[in-house]
Amino acid sequence: MYIPSEPKITYYFESLYYFPSEAKSAILYMFFIFSALAPGLSFYLLRKRNVISTIDMENQQERNIPMFIMLAYCLLLYLLFKFKFQDGQLPKYIYALPLAGVFVTVIFTFINRWIKISLHGGGAGILTGFLFAYALDQLYFNFTMLIFAVIASGLTIAARLYLNKHTPREVYTGWSLAVLITFLVNYLYPVYSV
């Protein structure tokens, strides 16, 4: 939102950079609450009530309830934007990013039945997939952000492997699926004009 970009389409509204400053702060605040603060508090409460044995959720079966909670927060954020603001009142990415979180969480919850898919890898993949979709919709975009996202993803994946929290298959599957899903949802989400 604070890095210059220029949209391909004729109106500036699809560039997060041109979004009004006051609105940027409000949107970032909403994303922080629904994707970090509320889930973090929920996971803490799950731990306090012994629903999960550790905050790391190393047990594959214990991950289902936290993933459903994350799904609920992503869906709530999407619906909040969708019903509070009609399509076209906000840049499409504001709607598409939490919707991508819904799809990623549903698919990860399903896959978790067979492998302990990396949620950290998935989070890094969501960032990377979003930036790739956003960059393709812009005439001008600072591509160092993409390089940063890929490096941050690599460090995240390397840390999970180094700590023996996941197998290579689990982290690469998590990252790759999250990149693909997030990219498709953000890139294909329809643009509405006001």
Foldseek 3Di string as FASTA:
>chain_A
DCFDFAFPDDDRQQPPNPDDPVVVVVLVVLCCVLQPVVLVVVLVVCCVVVLAVDSVNLDLVSVLVSLVSNLVSLVVQLVCCCVVPPAAPHHLCSNQLSVLSNVLSVVQSVCSVPFSADPLLLVLLLLLLQVVLSNVRTPDDDCVSNVVSVVVSVVSLVVCVVVVSHDNCRNVVNNVVNSVSNNCSSNVRDHDHD
